[in-house]
């Protein structure tokens, strides 16, 4: 049995038996050992092809950033650091709702302006024309309007539109005859008025006459 096993080892590495050669087993053992890898110091020495060598790893790592705790550590130059941003923000005003909150000292507040205006009256306004004019008191809102018109002889009615409508009401209207002598038989009176106009009526007479009118209201 042992001889058959030894013969199997010889035939596994030699082409056949040689009765004159007493080193056949030794040759077979040497051939068997030659198939085993010798101790190596490289991946290639062991036939390993799917791994990086140390130089290859060093080269790849050289292209990567080292672990850092700052922008400069990563070579980043186009960004502000935390300290730079804090310094920048320190120069800015916090969100506020008043002039004082922003440190503005050369302007009046809303309350100050309103208190100042409360001591002043609105500006008086006026408009003057050939046929009619008006004046408005900015403090009281009183409006005075006045003008001239001609009244034909005989019974007739004429409505005069005020230059501006009274916002609240017309309070009074006064008529004045502009002739040097009293008109013959003319009976002129105010028939009605509202905020926008006054209606004048001549009940009779035979003379054309010019009149002035004054309307007051607010």
Protein backbone atom coordinates (compact mmCIF):
# COMPACT_ATOMS: atom_id res chain seq x y z
CA UNK A 1 0.00 0.00 0.00
CA UNK A 2 2.80 2.43 0.95
CA UNK A 3 4.66 1.56 -2.22
CA UNK A 4 1.58 2.36 -4.28
CA UNK A 5 1.19 5.78 -2.55
CA UNK A 6 4.87 6.59 -3.17
CA UNK A 7 4.49 5.50 -6.76
CA UNK A 8 1.52 7.88 -7.10
CA UNK A 9 3.67 10.81 -5.88
CA UNK A 10 6.42 9.96 -8.41
CA UNK A 11 4.01 9.59 -11.33
CA UNK A 12 2.34 12.89 -10.39
CA UNK A 13 5.53 14.85 -11.15
CA UNK A 14 7.65 12.52 -13.41
CA UNK A 15 6.74 11.04 -16.80
CA UNK A 16 7.34 7.46 -15.66
CA UNK A 17 9.49 5.00 -13.63
CA UNK A 18 13.19 4.41 -14.31
CA UNK A 19 14.49 1.22 -12.62
CA UNK A 20 18.04 2.49 -12.82
CA UNK A 21 17.31 5.80 -11.04
CA UNK A 22 17.02 5.66 -7.26
CA UNK A 23 16.29 9.48 -6.92
CA UNK A 24 12.86 9.47 -8.52
CA UNK A 25 11.00 10.13 -5.27
CA UNK A 26 13.38 13.02 -4.45
CA UNK A 27 12.82 14.54 -7.89
CA UNK A 28 9.07 14.27 -7.48
CA UNK A 29 9.18 15.94 -4.05
CA UNK A 30 11.37 18.77 -5.37
CA UNK A 31 8.95 19.35 -8.23
CA UNK A 32 6.04 19.40 -5.79
CA UNK A 33 7.76 21.97 -3.51
CA UNK A 34 8.64 24.12 -6.51
CA UNK A 35 4.90 24.65 -7.11
CA UNK A 36 4.48 26.33 -3.71
CA UNK A 37 5.03 30.12 -3.46
CA UNK A 38 8.20 31.19 -1.79
CA UNK A 39 8.02 33.86 0.91
CA UNK A 40 7.58 37.24 -0.81
CA UNK A 41 7.54 40.96 0.21
CA UNK A 42 5.19 42.29 -2.47
CA UNK A 43 1.67 41.72 -3.73
CA UNK A 44 3.10 40.73 -7.08
CA UNK A 45 5.30 38.19 -5.33
CA UNK A 46 2.14 36.39 -4.28
CA UNK A 47 0.41 36.97 -7.59
CA UNK A 48 -2.16 39.36 -6.08
CA UNK A 49 -3.49 41.72 -8.75
CA UNK A 50 -6.68 43.17 -7.21
CA UNK A 51 -5.07 45.41 -4.57
CA UNK A 52 -3.17 48.72 -4.61
CA UNK A 53 0.50 48.73 -3.64
CA UNK A 54 1.76 51.12 -0.97
CA UNK A 55 3.21 53.59 -3.53
CA UNK A 56 -0.08 53.53 -5.44
CA UNK A 57 -2.06 54.27 -2.26
CA UNK A 58 0.35 57.09 -1.32
CA UNK A 59 -0.08 58.66 -4.76
CA UNK A 60 -3.89 58.52 -4.54
CA UNK A 61 -3.91 59.90 -0.99
CA UNK A 62 -1.64 62.78 -2.03
CA UNK A 63 -4.43 64.06 -4.25
CA UNK A 64 -6.90 64.12 -1.35
CA UNK A 65 -7.28 66.76 1.38
CA UNK A 66 -5.99 65.94 4.81
CA UNK A 67 -8.52 66.03 7.63
CA UNK A 68 -8.72 69.69 8.74
CA UNK A 69 -10.77 71.98 11.02
CA UNK A 70 -10.58 75.18 8.97
CA UNK A 71 -11.19 76.47 5.44
CA UNK A 72 -7.47 77.16 5.14
CA UNK A 73 -6.73 73.59 6.12
CA UNK A 74 -8.60 72.45 3.01
CA UNK A 75 -7.06 75.17 0.86
CA UNK A 76 -10.42 76.98 0.49
CA UNK A 77 -9.73 80.67 -0.15
CA UNK A 78 -13.05 81.94 -1.59
CA UNK A 79 -15.17 81.78 1.58
CA UNK A 80 -15.38 83.83 4.81
CA UNK A 81 -14.30 82.17 8.03
CA UNK A 82 -16.54 82.18 11.10
CA UNK A 83 -14.45 84.94 12.69
CA UNK A 84 -14.61 87.08 9.55
CA UNK A 85 -18.40 86.74 9.36
CA UNK A 86 -18.82 87.56 13.06
CA UNK A 87 -16.66 90.66 12.60
CA UNK A 88 -18.68 91.68 9.55
CA UNK A 89 -22.02 91.20 11.33
CA UNK A 90 -20.80 93.16 14.33
CA UNK A 91 -20.76 96.27 12.12
CA UNK A 92 -24.41 95.78 11.09
CA UNK A 93 -27.50 97.00 12.93
CA UNK A 94 -29.83 94.49 14.47
CA UNK A 95 -33.40 94.45 13.15
CA UNK A 96 -35.27 97.27 14.86
CA UNK A 97 -38.62 99.04 14.65
CA UNK A 98 -37.52 102.58 15.52
CA UNK A 99 -35.00 105.22 14.51
CA UNK A 100 -33.31 104.85 17.88
CA UNK A 101 -33.03 101.11 17.34
CA UNK A 102 -30.85 101.81 14.29
CA UNK A 103 -28.93 104.56 16.05
CA UNK A 104 -30.44 107.29 13.84
CA UNK A 105 -30.38 110.59 15.73
CA UNK A 106 -30.84 113.19 12.97
CA UNK A 107 -34.52 112.53 12.18
CA UNK A 108 -37.85 113.16 13.90
CA UNK A 109 -39.95 110.18 14.94
CA UNK A 110 -43.52 109.78 13.74
CA UNK A 111 -44.84 110.88 17.14
CA UNK A 112 -42.62 113.96 17.15
CA UNK A 113 -43.79 114.98 13.67
CA UNK A 114 -47.45 114.48 14.59
CA UNK A 115 -47.02 116.51 17.79
CA UNK A 116 -45.33 119.29 15.82
CA UNK A 117 -48.04 119.36 13.14
CA UNK A 118 -50.77 119.40 15.78
CA UNK A 119 -49.68 122.95 16.68
CA UNK A 120 -50.00 124.13 13.08
CA UNK A 121 -53.05 124.80 10.93
CA UNK A 122 -53.51 123.66 7.36
CA UNK A 123 -52.46 126.17 4.74
CA UNK A 124 -55.20 128.50 3.49
CA UNK A 125 -56.06 128.01 -0.18
CA UNK A 126 -57.80 130.17 -2.76
CA UNK A 127 -58.56 130.60 -6.44
CA UNK A 128 -59.50 133.85 -8.16
CA UNK A 129 -61.28 134.22 -11.49
CA UNK A 130 -63.10 136.82 -13.58
CA UNK A 131 -66.60 135.47 -12.94
CA UNK A 132 -66.12 133.65 -9.62
CA UNK A 133 -63.54 133.09 -6.88
CA UNK A 134 -63.21 131.19 -3.62
CA UNK A 135 -61.17 131.21 -0.38
CA UNK A 136 -60.82 128.33 2.08
CA UNK A 137 -59.63 128.69 5.70
CA UNK A 138 -57.26 125.80 6.39
CA UNK A 139 -57.83 125.97 10.14
CA UNK A 140 -61.63 126.01 10.29
CA UNK A 141 -62.57 124.64 6.88
CA UNK A 142 -64.78 127.69 6.24
CA UNK A 143 -65.23 128.50 2.54
CA UNK A 144 -66.31 131.82 1.06
CA UNK A 145 -67.20 132.01 -2.64
CA UNK A 146 -68.20 135.07 -4.65
CA UNK A 147 -68.83 136.20 -8.20
CA UNK A 148 -70.86 138.28 -10.64
CA UNK A 149 -73.70 137.47 -13.04
CA UNK A 150 -76.21 139.24 -15.26
CA UNK A 151 -79.98 138.83 -14.93
CA UNK A 152 -82.23 139.36 -17.93
CA UNK A 153 -85.35 141.46 -17.65
CA UNK A 154 -88.70 139.86 -17.20
CA UNK A 155 -89.54 136.62 -15.41
CA UNK A 156 -86.62 134.19 -15.65
CA UNK A 157 -84.53 131.83 -13.53
CA UNK A 158 -80.77 131.31 -13.47
CA UNK A 159 -78.65 128.69 -11.68
CA UNK A 160 -75.08 129.58 -10.72
CA UNK A 161 -72.68 126.69 -10.12
CA UNK A 162 -70.17 127.32 -7.35
CA UNK A 163 -66.47 127.11 -8.34
CA UNK A 164 -66.05 124.41 -5.67
CA UNK A 165 -68.74 122.40 -3.92
CA UNK A 166 -69.08 122.89 -0.17
CA UNK A 167 -68.02 119.61 1.50
CA UNK A 168 -70.66 119.88 4.24
CA UNK A 169 -73.21 122.58 3.40
CA UNK A 170 -73.80 126.03 1.96
CA UNK A 171 -74.87 128.22 4.89
CA UNK A 172 -75.88 131.50 3.23
CA UNK A 173 -76.02 133.41 -0.09
CA UNK A 174 -76.22 137.21 -0.41
CA UNK A 175 -77.12 139.15 -3.60
CA UNK A 176 -76.17 142.77 -4.36
CA UNK A 177 -77.40 144.99 -7.23
CA UNK A 178 -74.47 146.47 -9.21
CA UNK A 179 -76.49 149.18 -11.04
CA UNK A 180 -76.09 152.88 -10.16
CA UNK A 181 -79.86 153.23 -9.96
CA UNK A 182 -82.50 150.76 -8.89
CA UNK A 183 -83.64 148.45 -11.65
CA UNK A 184 -87.10 149.26 -12.86
CA UNK A 185 -89.54 146.77 -11.49
CA UNK A 186 -87.06 143.90 -11.11
CA UNK A 187 -87.94 141.50 -8.30
CA UNK A 188 -84.81 139.33 -7.85
CA UNK A 189 -84.49 136.83 -5.04
CA UNK A 190 -82.82 133.56 -4.13
CA UNK A 191 -85.03 130.60 -4.82
CA UNK A 192 -82.88 127.75 -3.45
CA UNK A 193 -79.30 126.53 -2.92
CA UNK A 194 -77.40 123.33 -2.19
CA UNK A 195 -73.74 122.40 -1.75
CA UNK A 196 -72.98 122.87 -5.45
CA UNK A 197 -75.09 125.80 -6.71
CA UNK A 198 -77.58 128.58 -6.07
CA UNK A 199 -80.71 129.35 -8.15
CA UNK A 200 -81.77 133.01 -8.65
CA UNK A 201 -85.22 134.07 -9.89
CA UNK A 202 -86.41 137.36 -11.36
CA UNK A 203 -90.15 137.70 -10.94
CA UNK A 204 -90.51 140.74 -13.20
CA UNK A 205 -89.05 144.03 -14.35
CA UNK A 206 -87.83 145.33 -17.67
CA UNK A 207 -84.11 145.99 -17.07
CA UNK A 208 -81.05 143.77 -17.56
CA UNK A 209 -79.08 144.03 -14.34
CA UNK A 210 -75.66 142.81 -13.07
CA UNK A 211 -75.49 141.35 -9.58
CA UNK A 212 -72.79 140.11 -7.25
CA UNK A 213 -73.25 137.10 -5.03
CA UNK A 214 -71.46 135.80 -1.93
CA UNK A 215 -71.92 132.24 -0.66
CA UNK A 216 -70.54 130.98 2.65
CA UNK A 217 -70.33 127.45 4.02
CA UNK A 218 -68.00 124.67 4.98
